[in-house]
């Protein structure tokens, strides 16, 4: 992300990259409160891997489609909520919840960004144990889906694997 843009290739779409793009826009675009169906609002946050204008347009349309999926995930996770104020209570208007503002304001990696969270792990531990990483990734996924008991079990297994015994 040399210029702050996140790479997106429509030929091999990556929902994690789309999630990073949406979260980055939520962090930086404080005026964003309406679902973007054109893709114009994402221009500052995405670097399309495209050979020509047609591929770029296709990438933009696919990004908008996948951003809708990420948007619904963020609603379920409590980061976003429908409506932007008391006069606009419904979608396509939305707002960041208080909890969401806390999550987005954090400088530490958040479990809502599994890619960034695991990247931070790899920065701190250059060769993490693959089993620990797999359980941590599963823990992050179950956390985002609200399966807190399963998340805790997976995190416990990952922690046990990370602590050298004996």
C-alpha atoms as a PDB file:
ATOM      1  CA  UNK A   1       0.000   0.000   0.000  1.00  0.00           C
ATOM      2  CA  UNK A   2       2.727   2.488  -1.005  1.00  0.00           C
ATOM      3  CA  UNK A   3       0.402   5.436  -1.743  1.00  0.00           C
ATOM      4  CA  UNK A   4      -2.256   4.448   0.782  1.00  0.00           C
ATOM      5  CA  UNK A   5      -4.335   2.558  -1.773  1.00  0.00           C
ATOM      6  CA  UNK A   6      -5.232  -1.085  -1.330  1.00  0.00           C
ATOM      7  CA  UNK A   7      -4.753  -3.354  -4.366  1.00  0.00           C
ATOM      8  CA  UNK A   8      -7.861  -4.970  -5.877  1.00  0.00           C
ATOM      9  CA  UNK A   9      -7.836  -7.340  -8.838  1.00  0.00           C
ATOM     10  CA  UNK A  10     -11.254  -8.185 -10.275  1.00  0.00           C
ATOM     11  CA  UNK A  11      -9.773 -11.253 -11.974  1.00  0.00           C
ATOM     12  CA  UNK A  12      -9.097 -12.781  -8.544  1.00  0.00           C
ATOM     13  CA  UNK A  13     -11.427 -10.903  -6.204  1.00  0.00           C
ATOM     14  CA  UNK A  14     -10.416 -10.988  -2.560  1.00  0.00           C
ATOM     15  CA  UNK A  15     -13.126 -10.180  -0.003  1.00  0.00           C
ATOM     16  CA  UNK A  16     -10.451  -9.475   2.631  1.00  0.00           C
ATOM     17  CA  UNK A  17      -8.998  -6.739   0.386  1.00  0.00           C
ATOM     18  CA  UNK A  18     -12.487  -5.287  -0.094  1.00  0.00           C
ATOM     19  CA  UNK A  19     -12.978  -5.316   3.664  1.00  0.00           C
ATOM     20  CA  UNK A  20      -9.707  -3.404   4.106  1.00  0.00           C
ATOM     21  CA  UNK A  21     -10.835  -0.870   1.482  1.00  0.00           C
ATOM     22  CA  UNK A  22     -14.218  -0.341   3.173  1.00  0.00           C
ATOM     23  CA  UNK A  23     -12.686  -0.074   6.652  1.00  0.00           C
ATOM     24  CA  UNK A  24     -10.047   2.376   5.416  1.00  0.00           C
ATOM     25  CA  UNK A  25     -12.752   4.519   3.844  1.00  0.00           C
ATOM     26  CA  UNK A  26     -14.757   4.447   7.079  1.00  0.00           C
ATOM     27  CA  UNK A  27     -11.654   5.580   8.962  1.00  0.00           C
ATOM     28  CA  UNK A  28     -10.720   8.416   6.627  1.00  0.00           C
ATOM     29  CA  UNK A  29     -13.992   9.596   5.023  1.00  0.00           C
ATOM     30  CA  UNK A  30     -15.893  11.096   7.956  1.00  0.00           C
ATOM     31  CA  UNK A  31     -18.670  12.313   5.648  1.00  0.00           C
ATOM     32  CA  UNK A  32     -19.495   8.846   4.267  1.00  0.00           C
ATOM     33  CA  UNK A  33     -23.028   7.988   5.384  1.00  0.00           C
ATOM     34  CA  UNK A  34     -24.745   6.659   2.260  1.00  0.00           C
ATOM     35  CA  UNK A  35     -24.150   3.369   0.458  1.00  0.00           C
ATOM     36  CA  UNK A  36     -22.031   3.986  -2.616  1.00  0.00           C
ATOM     37  CA  UNK A  37     -23.464   2.342  -5.735  1.00  0.00           C
ATOM     38  CA  UNK A  38     -21.192   4.122  -8.220  1.00  0.00           C
ATOM     39  CA  UNK A  39     -17.819   3.226  -6.724  1.00  0.00           C
ATOM     40  CA  UNK A  40     -16.608   6.820  -7.033  1.00  0.00           C
ATOM     41  CA  UNK A  41     -16.188   7.167  -3.284  1.00  0.00           C
ATOM     42  CA  UNK A  42     -13.699   4.303  -3.164  1.00  0.00           C
ATOM     43  CA  UNK A  43     -11.309   5.863  -5.712  1.00  0.00           C
ATOM     44  CA  UNK A  44      -8.937   7.289  -3.043  1.00  0.00           C
ATOM     45  CA  UNK A  45      -8.659   3.923  -1.278  1.00  0.00           C
ATOM     46  CA  UNK A  46      -8.253   1.347  -4.039  1.00  0.00           C
ATOM     47  CA  UNK A  47      -5.646   0.570  -6.681  1.00  0.00           C
ATOM     48  CA  UNK A  48      -7.259  -1.436  -9.473  1.00  0.00           C
ATOM     49  CA  UNK A  49      -5.158  -4.065 -11.202  1.00  0.00           C
ATOM     50  CA  UNK A  50      -6.419  -3.324 -14.708  1.00  0.00           C
ATOM     51  CA  UNK A  51      -4.896  -3.377 -18.162  1.00  0.00           C
ATOM     52  CA  UNK A  52      -7.425  -0.974 -19.695  1.00  0.00           C
ATOM     53  CA  UNK A  53     -10.474   1.169 -18.948  1.00  0.00           C
ATOM     54  CA  UNK A  54     -12.940  -1.699 -19.483  1.00  0.00           C
ATOM     55  CA  UNK A  55     -11.152  -3.851 -16.902  1.00  0.00           C
ATOM     56  CA  UNK A  56     -11.056  -0.880 -14.546  1.00  0.00           C
ATOM     57  CA  UNK A  57     -14.817  -0.338 -14.897  1.00  0.00           C
ATOM     58  CA  UNK A  58     -15.470  -4.048 -14.350  1.00  0.00           C
ATOM     59  CA  UNK A  59     -13.264  -3.927 -11.260  1.00  0.00           C
ATOM     60  CA  UNK A  60     -15.136  -0.919  -9.949  1.00  0.00           C
ATOM     61  CA  UNK A  61     -18.519  -2.625 -10.407  1.00  0.00           C
ATOM     62  CA  UNK A  62     -17.280  -5.787  -8.709  1.00  0.00           C
ATOM     63  CA  UNK A  63     -15.799  -3.771  -5.846  1.00  0.00           C
ATOM     64  CA  UNK A  64     -19.157  -2.039  -5.268  1.00  0.00           C
ATOM     65  CA  UNK A  65     -20.927  -5.413  -5.275  1.00  0.00           C
ATOM     66  CA  UNK A  66     -18.492  -6.939  -2.789  1.00  0.00           C
ATOM     67  CA  UNK A  67     -18.463  -3.775  -0.646  1.00  0.00           C
ATOM     68  CA  UNK A  68     -22.192  -4.348  -0.100  1.00  0.00           C
ATOM     69  CA  UNK A  69     -21.386  -7.772   1.337  1.00  0.00           C
ATOM     70  CA  UNK A  70     -18.745  -6.282   3.638  1.00  0.00           C
ATOM     71  CA  UNK A  71     -21.193  -3.546   4.642  1.00  0.00           C
ATOM     72  CA  UNK A  72     -23.689  -6.171   5.845  1.00  0.00           C
ATOM     73  CA  UNK A  73     -20.951  -7.949   7.776  1.00  0.00           C
ATOM     74  CA  UNK A  74     -20.089  -4.672   9.528  1.00  0.00           C
ATOM     75  CA  UNK A  75     -23.764  -4.176  10.397  1.00  0.00           C
ATOM     76  CA  UNK A  76     -23.941  -7.643  11.984  1.00  0.00           C
ATOM     77  CA  UNK A  77     -20.676  -6.997  13.851  1.00  0.00           C
ATOM     78  CA  UNK A  78     -22.051  -3.783  15.378  1.00  0.00           C
ATOM     79  CA  UNK A  79     -19.589  -1.456  13.637  1.00  0.00           C
ATOM     80  CA  UNK A  80     -22.314   0.200  11.516  1.00  0.00           C
ATOM     81  CA  UNK A  81     -26.059   0.747  11.964  1.00  0.00           C
ATOM     82  CA  UNK A  82     -28.847   1.843   9.593  1.00  0.00           C
ATOM     83  CA  UNK A  83     -29.768   5.518   9.376  1.00  0.00           C
ATOM     84  CA  UNK A  84     -27.641   8.632   9.605  1.00  0.00           C
ATOM     85  CA  UNK A  85     -29.760  10.679  12.025  1.00  0.00           C
ATOM     86  CA  UNK A  86     -33.254  10.939  13.545  1.00  0.00           C
ATOM     87  CA  UNK A  87     -34.676  12.175  10.231  1.00  0.00           C
ATOM     88  CA  UNK A  88     -33.012   9.435   8.143  1.00  0.00           C
ATOM     89  CA  UNK A  89     -33.488   6.186  10.053  1.00  0.00           C
ATOM     90  CA  UNK A  90     -33.186   3.679   7.230  1.00  0.00           C
ATOM     91  CA  UNK A  91     -30.780   2.357   4.668  1.00  0.00           C
ATOM     92  CA  UNK A  92     -29.187   3.319   2.354  1.00  0.00           C
ATOM     93  CA  UNK A  93     -28.147   5.919   4.957  1.00  0.00           C
ATOM     94  CA  UNK A  94     -25.963   4.586   7.773  1.00  0.00           C
ATOM     95  CA  UNK A  95     -23.782   5.667  10.653  1.00  0.00           C
ATOM     96  CA  UNK A  96     -20.816   4.329  12.583  1.00  0.00           C
ATOM     97  CA  UNK A  97     -21.860   3.154  16.042  1.00  0.00           C
ATOM     98  CA  UNK A  98     -20.046   4.322  19.178  1.00  0.00           C
ATOM     99  CA  UNK A  99     -18.476   0.881  19.377  1.00  0.00           C
ATOM    100  CA  UNK A 100     -17.535   1.165  15.694  1.00  0.00           C
ATOM    101  CA  UNK A 101     -15.885   4.550  16.263  1.00  0.00           C
ATOM    102  CA  UNK A 102     -13.783   3.018  19.038  1.00  0.00           C
ATOM    103  CA  UNK A 103     -12.777   0.117  16.788  1.00  0.00           C
ATOM    104  CA  UNK A 104     -11.949   2.362  13.824  1.00  0.00           C
ATOM    105  CA  UNK A 105     -10.013   4.855  15.978  1.00  0.00           C
ATOM    106  CA  UNK A 106      -7.741   2.194  17.431  1.00  0.00           C
ATOM    107  CA  UNK A 107      -4.176   2.192  16.164  1.00  0.00           C
ATOM    108  CA  UNK A 108      -3.824  -1.465  17.179  1.00  0.00           C
ATOM    109  CA  UNK A 109      -4.903  -4.176  14.753  1.00  0.00           C
ATOM    110  CA  UNK A 110      -8.526  -5.151  15.274  1.00  0.00           C
ATOM    111  CA  UNK A 111     -10.115  -8.581  14.894  1.00  0.00           C
ATOM    112  CA  UNK A 112     -12.519  -6.928  12.432  1.00  0.00           C
ATOM    113  CA  UNK A 113      -9.579  -6.713  10.038  1.00  0.00           C
ATOM    114  CA  UNK A 114      -8.237 -10.286  10.075  1.00  0.00           C
ATOM    115  CA  UNK A 115      -5.755  -9.583   7.272  1.00  0.00           C
ATOM    116  CA  UNK A 116      -4.217  -6.644   9.136  1.00  0.00           C
ATOM    117  CA  UNK A 117      -4.327  -8.516  12.428  1.00  0.00           C
ATOM    118  CA  UNK A 118      -2.426 -11.497  11.016  1.00  0.00           C
ATOM    119  CA  UNK A 119      -0.015  -9.180   9.164  1.00  0.00           C
ATOM    120  CA  UNK A 120       0.841  -7.521  12.492  1.00  0.00           C
ATOM    121  CA  UNK A 121       1.482 -10.973  13.979  1.00  0.00           C
ATOM    122  CA  UNK A 122       3.899 -11.720  11.121  1.00  0.00           C
ATOM    123  CA  UNK A 123       5.682  -8.396  11.765  1.00  0.00           C
ATOM    124  CA  UNK A 124       6.175  -9.236  15.417  1.00  0.00           C
ATOM    125  CA  UNK A 125       6.860 -12.950  14.926  1.00  0.00           C
ATOM    126  CA  UNK A 126       8.656 -13.424  11.581  1.00  0.00           C
ATOM    127  CA  UNK A 127       8.027 -17.182  11.412  1.00  0.00           C
ATOM    128  CA  UNK A 128       4.896 -17.910  13.429  1.00  0.00           C
ATOM    129  CA  UNK A 129       3.916 -21.523  13.945  1.00  0.00           C
ATOM    130  CA  UNK A 130       1.509 -22.449  11.109  1.00  0.00           C
ATOM    131  CA  UNK A 131      -0.826 -24.295  13.500  1.00  0.00           C
ATOM    132  CA  UNK A 132      -0.995 -21.295  15.834  1.00  0.00           C
ATOM    133  CA  UNK A 133      -1.695 -19.016  12.856  1.00  0.00           C
ATOM    134  CA  UNK A 134      -4.446 -21.342  11.596  1.00  0.00           C
ATOM    135  CA  UNK A 135      -6.185 -21.402  14.981  1.00  0.00           C
ATOM    136  CA  UNK A 136      -5.806 -17.640  15.357  1.00  0.00           C
ATOM    137  CA  UNK A 137      -7.301 -17.095  11.888  1.00  0.00           C
ATOM    138  CA  UNK A 138     -10.218 -19.380  12.808  1.00  0.00           C
ATOM    139  CA  UNK A 139     -10.652 -17.488  16.082  1.00  0.00           C
ATOM    140  CA  UNK A 140     -10.825 -14.180  14.211  1.00  0.00           C
ATOM    141  CA  UNK A 141     -13.408 -15.567  11.786  1.00  0.00           C
ATOM    142  CA  UNK A 142     -15.629 -16.966  14.531  1.00  0.00           C
ATOM    143  CA  UNK A 143     -15.319 -13.707  16.505  1.00  0.00           C
ATOM    144  CA  UNK A 144     -16.582 -11.680  13.538  1.00  0.00           C
ATOM    145  CA  UNK A 145     -19.568 -13.997  13.223  1.00  0.00           C
ATOM    146  CA  UNK A 146     -20.492 -13.569  16.869  1.00  0.00           C
ATOM    147  CA  UNK A 147     -19.565 -17.100  17.942  1.00  0.00           C
ATOM    148  CA  UNK A 148     -17.783 -15.974  21.073  1.00  0.00           C
ATOM    149  CA  UNK A 149     -17.455 -19.367  22.783  1.00  0.00           C
ATOM    150  CA  UNK A 150     -15.947 -20.933  19.649  1.00  0.00           C
ATOM    151  CA  UNK A 151     -13.707 -17.875  19.262  1.00  0.00           C
ATOM    152  CA  UNK A 152     -12.447 -18.251  22.814  1.00  0.00           C
ATOM    153  CA  UNK A 153     -11.762 -21.968  22.344  1.00  0.00           C
ATOM    154  CA  UNK A 154      -9.807 -21.348  19.121  1.00  0.00           C
ATOM    155  CA  UNK A 155      -7.884 -18.480  20.727  1.00  0.00           C
ATOM    156  CA  UNK A 156      -7.054 -20.687  23.721  1.00  0.00           C
ATOM    157  CA  UNK A 157      -5.718 -23.418  21.448  1.00  0.00           C
ATOM    158  CA  UNK A 158      -3.652 -20.861  19.529  1.00  0.00           C
ATOM    159  CA  UNK A 159      -2.259 -19.442  22.781  1.00  0.00           C
ATOM    160  CA  UNK A 160      -1.400 -22.909  24.060  1.00  0.00           C
ATOM    161  CA  UNK A 161       0.509 -23.599  20.848  1.00  0.00           C
ATOM    162  CA  UNK A 162       2.369 -20.294  21.101  1.00  0.00           C
ATOM    163  CA  UNK A 163       3.722 -20.932  24.588  1.00  0.00           C
ATOM    164  CA  UNK A 164       6.770 -23.186  24.621  1.00  0.00           C
ATOM    165  CA  UNK A 165       6.374 -25.900  27.227  1.00  0.00           C
ATOM    166  CA  UNK A 166       9.226 -27.449  29.172  1.00  0.00           C
END
